[in-house]
C-alpha atoms as a PDB file:
ATOM      1  CA  UNK A   1       0.121   0.013  -0.009  1.00  0.00           C
ATOM      2  CA  UNK A   2       1.389   3.406  -0.994  1.00  0.00           C
ATOM      3  CA  UNK A   3       2.303   6.362   1.943  1.00  0.00           C
ATOM      4  CA  UNK A   4      -0.665   8.132   0.541  1.00  0.00           C
ATOM      5  CA  UNK A   5      -3.036   5.335   0.526  1.00  0.00           C
ATOM      6  CA  UNK A   6      -2.084   4.289   4.070  1.00  0.00           C
ATOM      7  CA  UNK A   7      -2.040   7.888   5.369  1.00  0.00           C
ATOM      8  CA  UNK A   8      -5.811   7.796   3.751  1.00  0.00           C
ATOM      9  CA  UNK A   9      -6.840   4.570   5.876  1.00  0.00           C
ATOM     10  CA  UNK A  10      -5.590   5.916   9.084  1.00  0.00           C
ATOM     11  CA  UNK A  11      -7.327   9.150   8.555  1.00  0.00           C
ATOM     12  CA  UNK A  12     -10.863   6.978   7.820  1.00  0.00           C
ATOM     13  CA  UNK A  13      -9.994   5.243  10.732  1.00  0.00           C
ATOM     14  CA  UNK A  14     -10.085   8.401  12.806  1.00  0.00           C
ATOM     15  CA  UNK A  15     -12.803   9.486  11.322  1.00  0.00           C
ATOM     16  CA  UNK A  16     -15.009   6.753  11.896  1.00  0.00           C
ATOM     17  CA  UNK A  17     -14.010   6.265  15.674  1.00  0.00           C
ATOM     18  CA  UNK A  18     -14.630  10.282  16.355  1.00  0.00           C
ATOM     19  CA  UNK A  19     -18.571   9.670  14.549  1.00  0.00           C
ATOM     20  CA  UNK A  20     -19.030   6.136  16.458  1.00  0.00           C
ATOM     21  CA  UNK A  21     -17.017   6.487  19.368  1.00  0.00           C
ATOM     22  CA  UNK A  22     -16.787   3.323  21.587  1.00  0.00           C
ATOM     23  CA  UNK A  23     -16.863   3.093  25.340  1.00  0.00           C
ATOM     24  CA  UNK A  24     -18.372   6.592  25.365  1.00  0.00           C
ATOM     25  CA  UNK A  25     -20.893   7.193  28.039  1.00  0.00           C
ATOM     26  CA  UNK A  26     -23.003  10.265  28.307  1.00  0.00           C
ATOM     27  CA  UNK A  27     -21.284  11.076  31.946  1.00  0.00           C
ATOM     28  CA  UNK A  28     -19.419   8.997  34.517  1.00  0.00           C
ATOM     29  CA  UNK A  29     -20.910   9.528  38.248  1.00  0.00           C
ATOM     30  CA  UNK A  30     -18.088   9.520  41.047  1.00  0.00           C
ATOM     31  CA  UNK A  31     -16.987   6.472  41.969  1.00  0.00           C
ATOM     32  CA  UNK A  32     -17.611   6.703  45.589  1.00  0.00           C
ATOM     33  CA  UNK A  33     -19.678   9.015  47.788  1.00  0.00           C
ATOM     34  CA  UNK A  34     -17.022  10.280  49.357  1.00  0.00           C
ATOM     35  CA  UNK A  35     -15.006  11.470  46.388  1.00  0.00           C
ATOM     36  CA  UNK A  36     -12.346   8.872  46.322  1.00  0.00           C
ATOM     37  CA  UNK A  37     -10.971   8.346  42.736  1.00  0.00           C
ATOM     38  CA  UNK A  38     -10.760   4.234  43.823  1.00  0.00           C
ATOM     39  CA  UNK A  39     -13.316   1.665  44.795  1.00  0.00           C
ATOM     40  CA  UNK A  40     -13.745  -1.536  44.861  1.00  0.00           C
ATOM     41  CA  UNK A  41     -17.294  -3.108  43.360  1.00  0.00           C
ATOM     42  CA  UNK A  42     -18.188  -7.043  42.990  1.00  0.00           C
ATOM     43  CA  UNK A  43     -14.093  -8.182  43.037  1.00  0.00           C
ATOM     44  CA  UNK A  44     -13.191  -5.530  40.557  1.00  0.00           C
ATOM     45  CA  UNK A  45     -11.004  -2.282  41.380  1.00  0.00           C
ATOM     46  CA  UNK A  46     -12.289   0.521  39.636  1.00  0.00           C
ATOM     47  CA  UNK A  47     -10.069   4.282  38.974  1.00  0.00           C
ATOM     48  CA  UNK A  48     -10.600   6.909  36.752  1.00  0.00           C
ATOM     49  CA  UNK A  49      -8.770  10.180  35.956  1.00  0.00           C
ATOM     50  CA  UNK A  50     -10.020  13.336  34.713  1.00  0.00           C
ATOM     51  CA  UNK A  51      -7.632  15.172  32.263  1.00  0.00           C
ATOM     52  CA  UNK A  52      -7.782  18.335  30.208  1.00  0.00           C
ATOM     53  CA  UNK A  53      -5.675  19.700  27.688  1.00  0.00           C
ATOM     54  CA  UNK A  54      -5.330  23.273  28.690  1.00  0.00           C
ATOM     55  CA  UNK A  55      -4.274  24.611  25.086  1.00  0.00           C
ATOM     56  CA  UNK A  56      -7.401  23.705  23.302  1.00  0.00           C
ATOM     57  CA  UNK A  57      -9.971  22.665  26.145  1.00  0.00           C
ATOM     58  CA  UNK A  58     -10.192  19.247  25.051  1.00  0.00           C
ATOM     59  CA  UNK A  59     -11.120  17.174  28.359  1.00  0.00           C
ATOM     60  CA  UNK A  60     -11.737  13.756  29.000  1.00  0.00           C
ATOM     61  CA  UNK A  61     -12.500  11.401  31.500  1.00  0.00           C
ATOM     62  CA  UNK A  62     -11.889   7.626  31.977  1.00  0.00           C
ATOM     63  CA  UNK A  63     -12.658   4.918  34.313  1.00  0.00           C
ATOM     64  CA  UNK A  64     -10.600   1.120  34.247  1.00  0.00           C
ATOM     65  CA  UNK A  65     -11.810  -1.395  35.911  1.00  0.00           C
ATOM     66  CA  UNK A  66      -9.124  -4.086  36.624  1.00  0.00           C
ATOM     67  CA  UNK A  67      -9.812  -8.101  37.977  1.00  0.00           C
ATOM     68  CA  UNK A  68      -6.431  -9.647  39.693  1.00  0.00           C
ATOM     69  CA  UNK A  69      -3.378  -8.110  40.815  1.00  0.00           C
ATOM     70  CA  UNK A  70      -0.267  -7.081  39.515  1.00  0.00           C
ATOM     71  CA  UNK A  71       0.884  -6.954  35.679  1.00  0.00           C
ATOM     72  CA  UNK A  72      -1.395  -9.510  35.680  1.00  0.00           C
ATOM     73  CA  UNK A  73      -4.226  -7.786  36.131  1.00  0.00           C
ATOM     74  CA  UNK A  74      -7.256  -7.612  33.384  1.00  0.00           C
ATOM     75  CA  UNK A  75      -8.840  -4.556  32.155  1.00  0.00           C
ATOM     76  CA  UNK A  76     -12.508  -5.777  32.233  1.00  0.00           C
ATOM     77  CA  UNK A  77     -13.945  -2.516  32.399  1.00  0.00           C
ATOM     78  CA  UNK A  78     -13.149   0.675  30.456  1.00  0.00           C
ATOM     79  CA  UNK A  79     -15.789   3.826  29.788  1.00  0.00           C
ATOM     80  CA  UNK A  80     -14.946   7.495  29.116  1.00  0.00           C
ATOM     81  CA  UNK A  81     -16.943  10.742  28.709  1.00  0.00           C
ATOM     82  CA  UNK A  82     -15.216  13.827  27.191  1.00  0.00           C
ATOM     83  CA  UNK A  83     -16.039  17.205  25.005  1.00  0.00           C
ATOM     84  CA  UNK A  84     -13.216  18.157  22.423  1.00  0.00           C
ATOM     85  CA  UNK A  85     -12.045  17.819  19.295  1.00  0.00           C
ATOM     86  CA  UNK A  86     -12.344  14.543  16.472  1.00  0.00           C
ATOM     87  CA  UNK A  87      -8.867  13.571  17.523  1.00  0.00           C
ATOM     88  CA  UNK A  88      -8.775  13.321  20.843  1.00  0.00           C
ATOM     89  CA  UNK A  89     -12.387  11.667  21.368  1.00  0.00           C
ATOM     90  CA  UNK A  90     -11.277   9.125  18.392  1.00  0.00           C
ATOM     91  CA  UNK A  91      -8.213   8.089  20.628  1.00  0.00           C
ATOM     92  CA  UNK A  92     -10.239   7.997  23.909  1.00  0.00           C
ATOM     93  CA  UNK A  93     -12.196   5.401  21.297  1.00  0.00           C
ATOM     94  CA  UNK A  94      -9.649   3.513  19.947  1.00  0.00           C
ATOM     95  CA  UNK A  95      -7.634   2.844  23.475  1.00  0.00           C
ATOM     96  CA  UNK A  96     -11.036   1.702  24.589  1.00  0.00           C
ATOM     97  CA  UNK A  97     -11.000  -1.350  21.604  1.00  0.00           C
ATOM     98  CA  UNK A  98      -7.031  -1.744  22.391  1.00  0.00           C
ATOM     99  CA  UNK A  99      -6.919  -2.101  26.130  1.00  0.00           C
ATOM    100  CA  UNK A 100     -10.188  -4.010  26.808  1.00  0.00           C
ATOM    101  CA  UNK A 101      -8.939  -7.690  27.890  1.00  0.00           C
ATOM    102  CA  UNK A 102      -6.039  -6.869  28.093  1.00  0.00           C
ATOM    103  CA  UNK A 103      -3.400  -7.215  30.743  1.00  0.00           C
ATOM    104  CA  UNK A 104      -1.724  -4.159  32.639  1.00  0.00           C
ATOM    105  CA  UNK A 105       1.568  -5.304  31.712  1.00  0.00           C
ATOM    106  CA  UNK A 106       0.585  -5.500  27.927  1.00  0.00           C
ATOM    107  CA  UNK A 107      -1.691  -2.376  28.151  1.00  0.00           C
ATOM    108  CA  UNK A 108       0.983  -0.273  29.740  1.00  0.00           C
ATOM    109  CA  UNK A 109       3.597  -1.567  26.380  1.00  0.00           C
ATOM    110  CA  UNK A 110       1.147  -0.666  24.148  1.00  0.00           C
ATOM    111  CA  UNK A 111       1.107   2.983  26.164  1.00  0.00           C
ATOM    112  CA  UNK A 112       4.571   3.369  25.995  1.00  0.00           C
ATOM    113  CA  UNK A 113       4.733   2.085  22.203  1.00  0.00           C
ATOM    114  CA  UNK A 114       1.873   4.827  21.292  1.00  0.00           C
ATOM    115  CA  UNK A 115       3.741   7.788  23.347  1.00  0.00           C
ATOM    116  CA  UNK A 116       6.810   6.908  21.463  1.00  0.00           C
ATOM    117  CA  UNK A 117       5.172   6.703  18.104  1.00  0.00           C
ATOM    118  CA  UNK A 118       3.656  10.473  18.747  1.00  0.00           C
ATOM    119  CA  UNK A 119       7.085  11.477  19.625  1.00  0.00           C
ATOM    120  CA  UNK A 120       8.609  10.716  16.889  1.00  0.00           C
ATOM    121  CA  UNK A 121       7.698  13.539  14.897  1.00  0.00           C
ATOM    122  CA  UNK A 122       6.885  10.998  12.276  1.00  0.00           C
ATOM    123  CA  UNK A 123      10.143   9.122  12.274  1.00  0.00           C
ATOM    124  CA  UNK A 124       9.065   6.091  13.611  1.00  0.00           C
ATOM    125  CA  UNK A 125       6.597   3.518  11.449  1.00  0.00           C
ATOM    126  CA  UNK A 126       3.677   2.453  14.091  1.00  0.00           C
ATOM    127  CA  UNK A 127       3.851  -1.260  14.509  1.00  0.00           C
ATOM    128  CA  UNK A 128       0.066  -2.098  13.826  1.00  0.00           C
ATOM    129  CA  UNK A 129       0.486  -5.886  15.069  1.00  0.00           C
ATOM    130  CA  UNK A 130       0.913  -4.533  18.568  1.00  0.00           C
ATOM    131  CA  UNK A 131      -1.358  -1.085  18.087  1.00  0.00           C
ATOM    132  CA  UNK A 132      -4.068  -2.173  16.506  1.00  0.00           C
ATOM    133  CA  UNK A 133      -5.912   0.972  15.294  1.00  0.00           C
ATOM    134  CA  UNK A 134      -4.180   3.230  17.303  1.00  0.00           C
ATOM    135  CA  UNK A 135      -1.116   3.295  14.316  1.00  0.00           C
ATOM    136  CA  UNK A 136      -3.530   5.475  12.903  1.00  0.00           C
ATOM    137  CA  UNK A 137      -2.326   8.203  15.004  1.00  0.00           C
ATOM    138  CA  UNK A 138       1.079   7.895  13.658  1.00  0.00           C
ATOM    139  CA  UNK A 139       0.356  11.184  11.406  1.00  0.00           C
ATOM    140  CA  UNK A 140      -0.843  13.397  14.473  1.00  0.00           C
ATOM    141  CA  UNK A 141       2.793  13.230  15.308  1.00  0.00           C
ATOM    142  CA  UNK A 142       3.767  15.408  12.571  1.00  0.00           C
ATOM    143  CA  UNK A 143       1.496  17.781  13.525  1.00  0.00           C
ATOM    144  CA  UNK A 144       2.856  18.693  17.696  1.00  0.00           C
ATOM    145  CA  UNK A 145      -0.236  20.853  19.211  1.00  0.00           C
ATOM    146  CA  UNK A 146      -2.495  17.703  18.417  1.00  0.00           C
ATOM    147  CA  UNK A 147      -0.204  15.079  19.617  1.00  0.00           C
ATOM    148  CA  UNK A 148      -1.421  16.603  23.253  1.00  0.00           C
ATOM    149  CA  UNK A 149      -5.291  16.088  22.098  1.00  0.00           C
ATOM    150  CA  UNK A 150      -4.319  12.521  21.309  1.00  0.00           C
ATOM    151  CA  UNK A 151      -2.330  11.519  24.048  1.00  0.00           C
ATOM    152  CA  UNK A 152      -5.069  12.919  26.636  1.00  0.00           C
ATOM    153  CA  UNK A 153      -7.411   9.955  26.853  1.00  0.00           C
ATOM    154  CA  UNK A 154      -3.893   7.514  27.219  1.00  0.00           C
ATOM    155  CA  UNK A 155      -2.733   9.985  29.781  1.00  0.00           C
ATOM    156  CA  UNK A 156      -6.227   9.616  31.709  1.00  0.00           C
ATOM    157  CA  UNK A 157      -5.823   5.907  31.438  1.00  0.00           C
ATOM    158  CA  UNK A 158      -2.428   5.648  32.768  1.00  0.00           C
ATOM    159  CA  UNK A 159      -3.292   7.851  35.451  1.00  0.00           C
ATOM    160  CA  UNK A 160      -6.171   6.120  36.884  1.00  0.00           C
ATOM    161  CA  UNK A 161      -3.888   2.498  36.154  1.00  0.00           C
ATOM    162  CA  UNK A 162      -0.891   4.607  38.759  1.00  0.00           C
ATOM    163  CA  UNK A 163      -4.439   4.991  41.433  1.00  0.00           C
ATOM    164  CA  UNK A 164      -4.508   1.175  41.429  1.00  0.00           C
ATOM    165  CA  UNK A 165      -1.138   0.531  41.932  1.00  0.00           C
END
């Protein structure tokens, strides 16, 4: 596939996810009455993180539910809500599809690859085998102002995981 054909495919993936966001909910109520950001419900450890891109005003809240412990814990629940540009909303949708059902170790490895790809300014070819649809954001890396948009939900996911350690 030619480079421009690949870019068009990637753009279509981002547009599709922006139009039909996977894992999105209208709102995420507080996890607990005491304003804690973590809780355990029916054996699932929950955490959520709200992040804002102060540059453009995009914001997203990500809720993660893990079963098990340590690096082998599984991401069994993932939900998000947010408002912002199509890149940040599509990125949250792709993140939902990418990490749901993976282990914490696998999801952290994907997060690291995604971050490295976005920081590369287009010099790193995405590993579609590992990143799946998240590889579609490779073109975003050429636009530093948009990198924050694409990273926003991933940063929220990472913060929620850190709360569960």
